[in-house]
Amino acid sequence: MEGANVSVDKDQRVRGYCAYDWGKSAFETSVTTAIFPAWFAYLFAEANGISAKILGSEWTADAMYSAAVMIGALLVAICAPSLGVIADRRMIKIWWLKILTWLGAVSCVLLAFSPYLGVSMGWIWALIMFMAANVGLNGAGVFYNALLPHMGDDSEMDSISNKAFAAGYLGGGLLLVVHLALV
């Protein structure tokens, strides 16, 4: 009877692992790739026109968005070795996954307040919240990936990883279709 409980527990862990990929990929397709860049360009243009002089240089919306992605990725890349050491400890691994996922999710929700902050501040708020969401997502990815060996034995890794990858594509694609229909 105990073996059945282990199997149910493992199946539940794998479903949770796949569900996480579903949600993560939804953010990546809708926010990072399709919807946010255009919305940010609109907010930036409303406040600044085609470009704005920031720190002595001319910046377009595309350049600001690219810089935000780069800064967020750089922050995670700098922290990744330390995060990897932390990820070697299983109990802390799940805690950090939750904390960074919450950072990403709350920051993503806070993006919605951008239009209410006025024309001059909306684009700045959106950019900061997007960077925080990206740091949360990519930082959590270190711990998410480190959980894979705990999902099953070595012979199951490919299957579990493929299921999560497929769930991610499905979740990201479905939410993108919904978002594009709403826009």
C-alpha atoms as a PDB file:
ATOM      1  CA  MET A   1       0.000   0.000   0.000  1.00  0.00           C
ATOM      2  CA  GLU A   2       2.898   2.363   0.730  1.00  0.00           C
ATOM      3  CA  GLY A   3       4.150   2.029  -2.878  1.00  0.00           C
ATOM      4  CA  ALA A   4       0.823   3.363  -4.155  1.00  0.00           C
ATOM      5  CA  ASN A   5       1.206   6.490  -2.005  1.00  0.00           C
ATOM      6  CA  VAL A   6       4.701   7.084  -3.388  1.00  0.00           C
ATOM      7  CA  SER A   7       3.357   6.768  -6.946  1.00  0.00           C
ATOM      8  CA  VAL A   8       0.494   9.191  -6.269  1.00  0.00           C
ATOM      9  CA  ASP A   9       2.904  11.622  -4.626  1.00  0.00           C
ATOM     10  CA  LYS A  10       5.287  11.395  -7.607  1.00  0.00           C
ATOM     11  CA  ASP A  11       2.440  11.849 -10.104  1.00  0.00           C
ATOM     12  CA  GLN A  12       1.272  14.889  -8.167  1.00  0.00           C
ATOM     13  CA  ARG A  13       4.798  16.364  -8.164  1.00  0.00           C
ATOM     14  CA  VAL A  14       5.122  15.813 -11.917  1.00  0.00           C
ATOM     15  CA  ARG A  15       1.722  17.444 -12.549  1.00  0.00           C
ATOM     16  CA  GLY A  16       2.810  20.409 -10.422  1.00  0.00           C
ATOM     17  CA  TYR A  17       6.092  20.622 -12.324  1.00  0.00           C
ATOM     18  CA  CYS A  18       4.188  20.659 -15.626  1.00  0.00           C
ATOM     19  CA  ALA A  19       1.672  23.222 -14.326  1.00  0.00           C
ATOM     20  CA  TYR A  20       4.524  25.537 -13.361  1.00  0.00           C
ATOM     21  CA  ASP A  21       5.876  25.338 -16.917  1.00  0.00           C
ATOM     22  CA  TRP A  22       2.355  26.078 -18.209  1.00  0.00           C
ATOM     23  CA  GLY A  23       2.194  29.318 -16.223  1.00  0.00           C
ATOM     24  CA  LYS A  24       5.801  30.339 -16.815  1.00  0.00           C
ATOM     25  CA  SER A  25       5.441  29.941 -20.557  1.00  0.00           C
ATOM     26  CA  ALA A  26       2.217  31.953 -20.531  1.00  0.00           C
ATOM     27  CA  PHE A  27       4.181  34.889 -19.092  1.00  0.00           C
ATOM     28  CA  GLU A  28       6.975  34.422 -21.615  1.00  0.00           C
ATOM     29  CA  THR A  29       4.673  34.355 -24.653  1.00  0.00           C
ATOM     30  CA  SER A  30       2.111  36.989 -23.680  1.00  0.00           C
ATOM     31  CA  VAL A  31       4.114  39.422 -21.571  1.00  0.00           C
ATOM     32  CA  THR A  32       7.726  39.119 -22.682  1.00  0.00           C
ATOM     33  CA  THR A  33       7.166  38.457 -26.377  1.00  0.00           C
ATOM     34  CA  ALA A  34       3.798  39.579 -27.719  1.00  0.00           C
ATOM     35  CA  ILE A  35       1.749  42.015 -25.640  1.00  0.00           C
ATOM     36  CA  PHE A  36       4.015  43.991 -23.311  1.00  0.00           C
ATOM     37  CA  PRO A  37       6.548  45.268 -25.889  1.00  0.00           C
ATOM     38  CA  ALA A  38       3.776  46.909 -27.943  1.00  0.00           C
ATOM     39  CA  TRP A  39       1.989  48.251 -24.857  1.00  0.00           C
ATOM     40  CA  PHE A  40       5.233  49.634 -23.452  1.00  0.00           C
ATOM     41  CA  ALA A  41       5.991  51.330 -26.787  1.00  0.00           C
ATOM     42  CA  TYR A  42       2.554  52.960 -26.626  1.00  0.00           C
ATOM     43  CA  LEU A  43       3.069  54.172 -23.025  1.00  0.00           C
ATOM     44  CA  PHE A  44       6.556  55.454 -23.856  1.00  0.00           C
ATOM     45  CA  ALA A  45       5.354  57.270 -27.002  1.00  0.00           C
ATOM     46  CA  GLU A  46       2.456  58.880 -25.133  1.00  0.00           C
ATOM     47  CA  ALA A  47       4.888  60.305 -22.587  1.00  0.00           C
ATOM     48  CA  ASN A  48       7.926  61.052 -24.743  1.00  0.00           C
ATOM     49  CA  GLY A  49       7.134  60.852 -28.429  1.00  0.00           C
ATOM     50  CA  ILE A  50       9.462  58.782 -30.596  1.00  0.00           C
ATOM     51  CA  SER A  51      12.459  59.137 -28.290  1.00  0.00           C
ATOM     52  CA  ALA A  52      13.537  60.712 -25.025  1.00  0.00           C
ATOM     53  CA  LYS A  53      16.827  62.038 -23.762  1.00  0.00           C
ATOM     54  CA  ILE A  54      17.719  59.929 -20.715  1.00  0.00           C
ATOM     55  CA  LEU A  55      21.106  60.150 -19.006  1.00  0.00           C
ATOM     56  CA  GLY A  56      22.444  62.205 -21.901  1.00  0.00           C
ATOM     57  CA  SER A  57      21.464  59.714 -24.630  1.00  0.00           C
ATOM     58  CA  GLU A  58      18.489  59.431 -26.950  1.00  0.00           C
ATOM     59  CA  TRP A  59      16.380  56.373 -26.133  1.00  0.00           C
ATOM     60  CA  THR A  60      13.499  54.855 -28.088  1.00  0.00           C
ATOM     61  CA  ALA A  61      10.884  52.547 -26.592  1.00  0.00           C
ATOM     62  CA  ASP A  62      12.559  49.553 -28.260  1.00  0.00           C
ATOM     63  CA  ALA A  63      15.938  50.510 -26.804  1.00  0.00           C
ATOM     64  CA  MET A  64      14.437  50.946 -23.318  1.00  0.00           C
ATOM     65  CA  TYR A  65      12.651  47.585 -23.542  1.00  0.00           C
ATOM     66  CA  SER A  66      15.837  45.869 -24.740  1.00  0.00           C
ATOM     67  CA  ALA A  67      17.832  47.482 -21.929  1.00  0.00           C
ATOM     68  CA  ALA A  68      15.261  46.305 -19.367  1.00  0.00           C
ATOM     69  CA  VAL A  69      15.484  42.731 -20.650  1.00  0.00           C
ATOM     70  CA  MET A  70      19.285  42.926 -20.629  1.00  0.00           C
ATOM     71  CA  ILE A  71      19.501  44.382 -17.108  1.00  0.00           C
ATOM     72  CA  GLY A  72      17.105  41.762 -15.730  1.00  0.00           C
ATOM     73  CA  ALA A  73      18.995  38.942 -17.440  1.00  0.00           C
ATOM     74  CA  LEU A  74      22.316  40.348 -16.251  1.00  0.00           C
ATOM     75  CA  LEU A  75      21.084  40.500 -12.641  1.00  0.00           C
ATOM     76  CA  VAL A  76      20.029  36.858 -12.793  1.00  0.00           C
ATOM     77  CA  ALA A  77      23.259  35.834 -14.555  1.00  0.00           C
ATOM     78  CA  ILE A  78      25.354  37.513 -11.872  1.00  0.00           C
ATOM     79  CA  CYS A  79      23.313  35.867  -9.113  1.00  0.00           C
ATOM     80  CA  ALA A  80      22.964  32.473 -10.844  1.00  0.00           C
ATOM     81  CA  PRO A  81      26.131  30.876  -9.403  1.00  0.00           C
ATOM     82  CA  SER A  82      25.001  31.732  -5.871  1.00  0.00           C
ATOM     83  CA  LEU A  83      21.449  30.664  -6.671  1.00  0.00           C
ATOM     84  CA  GLY A  84      22.847  27.377  -7.992  1.00  0.00           C
ATOM     85  CA  VAL A  85      24.619  26.710  -4.704  1.00  0.00           C
ATOM     86  CA  ILE A  86      21.378  27.444  -2.860  1.00  0.00           C
ATOM     87  CA  ALA A  87      19.499  25.180  -5.286  1.00  0.00           C
ATOM     88  CA  ASP A  88      21.634  22.260  -4.136  1.00  0.00           C
ATOM     89  CA  ARG A  89      19.652  22.313  -0.878  1.00  0.00           C
ATOM     90  CA  ARG A  90      16.237  20.831  -1.586  1.00  0.00           C
ATOM     91  CA  MET A  91      14.155  22.407   1.183  1.00  0.00           C
ATOM     92  CA  ILE A  92      15.496  25.873   0.461  1.00  0.00           C
ATOM     93  CA  LYS A  93      15.072  25.225  -3.261  1.00  0.00           C
ATOM     94  CA  ILE A  94      11.289  25.079  -2.997  1.00  0.00           C
ATOM     95  CA  TRP A  95      11.193  28.126  -0.712  1.00  0.00           C
ATOM     96  CA  TRP A  96      13.226  30.199  -3.177  1.00  0.00           C
ATOM     97  CA  LEU A  97      11.113  28.964  -6.093  1.00  0.00           C
ATOM     98  CA  LYS A  98       8.023  30.252  -4.273  1.00  0.00           C
ATOM     99  CA  ILE A  99       9.594  33.597  -3.319  1.00  0.00           C
ATOM    100  CA  LEU A 100      10.881  34.352  -6.817  1.00  0.00           C
ATOM    101  CA  THR A 101       7.670  33.139  -8.446  1.00  0.00           C
ATOM    102  CA  TRP A 102       5.695  35.472  -6.172  1.00  0.00           C
ATOM    103  CA  LEU A 103       8.047  38.327  -7.086  1.00  0.00           C
ATOM    104  CA  GLY A 104       7.363  37.670 -10.765  1.00  0.00           C
ATOM    105  CA  ALA A 105       3.611  37.215 -10.364  1.00  0.00           C
ATOM    106  CA  VAL A 106       3.033  40.249  -8.135  1.00  0.00           C
ATOM    107  CA  SER A 107       5.195  42.429 -10.387  1.00  0.00           C
ATOM    108  CA  CYS A 108       3.215  41.241 -13.402  1.00  0.00           C
ATOM    109  CA  VAL A 109      -0.075  42.124 -11.682  1.00  0.00           C
ATOM    110  CA  LEU A 110       1.316  45.537 -10.727  1.00  0.00           C
ATOM    111  CA  LEU A 111       1.938  46.239 -14.424  1.00  0.00           C
ATOM    112  CA  ALA A 112      -1.809  46.815 -14.679  1.00  0.00           C
ATOM    113  CA  PHE A 113      -1.506  50.024 -12.637  1.00  0.00           C
ATOM    114  CA  SER A 114       0.714  51.720 -15.232  1.00  0.00           C
ATOM    115  CA  PRO A 115      -2.097  53.640 -16.994  1.00  0.00           C
ATOM    116  CA  TYR A 116      -3.334  55.031 -13.667  1.00  0.00           C
ATOM    117  CA  LEU A 117      -0.036  56.674 -12.764  1.00  0.00           C
ATOM    118  CA  GLY A 118      -0.284  59.409 -15.354  1.00  0.00           C
ATOM    119  CA  VAL A 119       1.356  59.731 -18.718  1.00  0.00           C
ATOM    120  CA  SER A 120       4.775  60.747 -17.424  1.00  0.00           C
ATOM    121  CA  MET A 121       5.110  57.948 -14.831  1.00  0.00           C
ATOM    122  CA  GLY A 122       3.174  55.072 -16.418  1.00  0.00           C
ATOM    123  CA  TRP A 123       5.927  53.922 -18.746  1.00  0.00           C
ATOM    124  CA  ILE A 124       8.551  54.095 -15.979  1.00  0.00           C
ATOM    125  CA  TRP A 125       6.392  52.019 -13.616  1.00  0.00           C
ATOM    126  CA  ALA A 126       5.706  49.505 -16.395  1.00  0.00           C
ATOM    127  CA  LEU A 127       9.403  49.146 -17.157  1.00  0.00           C
ATOM    128  CA  ILE A 128      10.344  48.652 -13.490  1.00  0.00           C
ATOM    129  CA  MET A 129       7.568  46.100 -12.899  1.00  0.00           C
ATOM    130  CA  PHE A 130       8.488  44.265 -16.100  1.00  0.00           C
ATOM    131  CA  MET A 131      12.129  44.067 -14.993  1.00  0.00           C
ATOM    132  CA  ALA A 132      11.098  42.779 -11.555  1.00  0.00           C
ATOM    133  CA  ALA A 133       8.767  40.211 -13.135  1.00  0.00           C
ATOM    134  CA  ASN A 134      11.535  39.066 -15.459  1.00  0.00           C
ATOM    135  CA  VAL A 135      14.032  38.758 -12.592  1.00  0.00           C
ATOM    136  CA  GLY A 136      11.455  36.750 -10.633  1.00  0.00           C
ATOM    137  CA  LEU A 137      10.715  34.464 -13.584  1.00  0.00           C
ATOM    138  CA  ASN A 138      14.326  33.842 -14.564  1.00  0.00           C
ATOM    139  CA  GLY A 139      15.578  33.574 -10.990  1.00  0.00           C
ATOM    140  CA  ALA A 140      12.840  31.073 -10.190  1.00  0.00           C
ATOM    141  CA  GLY A 141      13.884  29.156 -13.304  1.00  0.00           C
ATOM    142  CA  VAL A 142      17.162  28.229 -11.612  1.00  0.00           C
ATOM    143  CA  PHE A 143      15.236  26.478  -8.830  1.00  0.00           C
ATOM    144  CA  TYR A 144      12.571  25.065 -11.157  1.00  0.00           C
ATOM    145  CA  ASN A 145      15.231  23.395 -13.302  1.00  0.00           C
ATOM    146  CA  ALA A 146      17.008  22.110 -10.188  1.00  0.00           C
ATOM    147  CA  LEU A 147      13.818  20.294  -9.139  1.00  0.00           C
ATOM    148  CA  LEU A 148      13.780  18.012 -12.196  1.00  0.00           C
ATOM    149  CA  PRO A 149      16.076  15.349 -10.680  1.00  0.00           C
ATOM    150  CA  HIS A 150      13.646  15.084  -7.740  1.00  0.00           C
ATOM    151  CA  MET A 151      10.644  14.374  -9.982  1.00  0.00           C
ATOM    152  CA  GLY A 152      11.584  10.780 -10.778  1.00  0.00           C
ATOM    153  CA  ASP A 153      14.477   8.455 -11.445  1.00  0.00           C
ATOM    154  CA  ASP A 154      17.040   8.849 -14.230  1.00  0.00           C
ATOM    155  CA  SER A 155      15.028   6.789 -16.716  1.00  0.00           C
ATOM    156  CA  GLU A 156      12.058   9.176 -16.335  1.00  0.00           C
ATOM    157  CA  MET A 157      13.860  12.514 -16.727  1.00  0.00           C
ATOM    158  CA  ASP A 158      13.313  12.829 -20.492  1.00  0.00           C
ATOM    159  CA  SER A 159       9.638  11.948 -20.219  1.00  0.00           C
ATOM    160  CA  ILE A 160       8.986  14.352 -17.340  1.00  0.00           C
ATOM    161  CA  SER A 161      10.922  17.154 -19.013  1.00  0.00           C
ATOM    162  CA  ASN A 162       9.057  16.589 -22.303  1.00  0.00           C
ATOM    163  CA  LYS A 163       5.674  16.653 -20.535  1.00  0.00           C
ATOM    164  CA  ALA A 164       6.559  19.938 -18.838  1.00  0.00           C
ATOM    165  CA  PHE A 165       7.851  21.398 -22.102  1.00  0.00           C
ATOM    166  CA  ALA A 166       4.635  20.378 -23.890  1.00  0.00           C
ATOM    167  CA  ALA A 167       2.500  21.829 -21.094  1.00  0.00           C
ATOM    168  CA  GLY A 168       4.466  25.059 -21.401  1.00  0.00           C
ATOM    169  CA  TYR A 169       3.855  25.309 -25.120  1.00  0.00           C
ATOM    170  CA  LEU A 170       0.166  24.556 -24.674  1.00  0.00           C
ATOM    171  CA  GLY A 171      -0.281  27.032 -21.808  1.00  0.00           C
ATOM    172  CA  GLY A 172       1.707  29.766 -23.491  1.00  0.00           C
ATOM    173  CA  GLY A 173      -0.051  29.288 -26.809  1.00  0.00           C
ATOM    174  CA  LEU A 174      -3.565  29.183 -25.369  1.00  0.00           C
ATOM    175  CA  LEU A 175      -3.105  32.292 -23.247  1.00  0.00           C
ATOM    176  CA  LEU A 176      -1.545  34.141 -26.156  1.00  0.00           C
ATOM    177  CA  VAL A 177      -4.587  33.331 -28.308  1.00  0.00           C
ATOM    178  CA  VAL A 178      -6.884  34.610 -25.530  1.00  0.00           C
ATOM    179  CA  HIS A 179      -4.831  37.783 -25.092  1.00  0.00           C
ATOM    180  CA  LEU A 180      -4.689  38.499 -28.805  1.00  0.00           C
ATOM    181  CA  ALA A 181      -8.456  37.995 -29.039  1.00  0.00           C
ATOM    182  CA  LEU A 182      -8.935  40.537 -26.232  1.00  0.00           C
ATOM    183  CA  VAL A 183      -6.597  43.079 -27.781  1.00  0.00           C
END
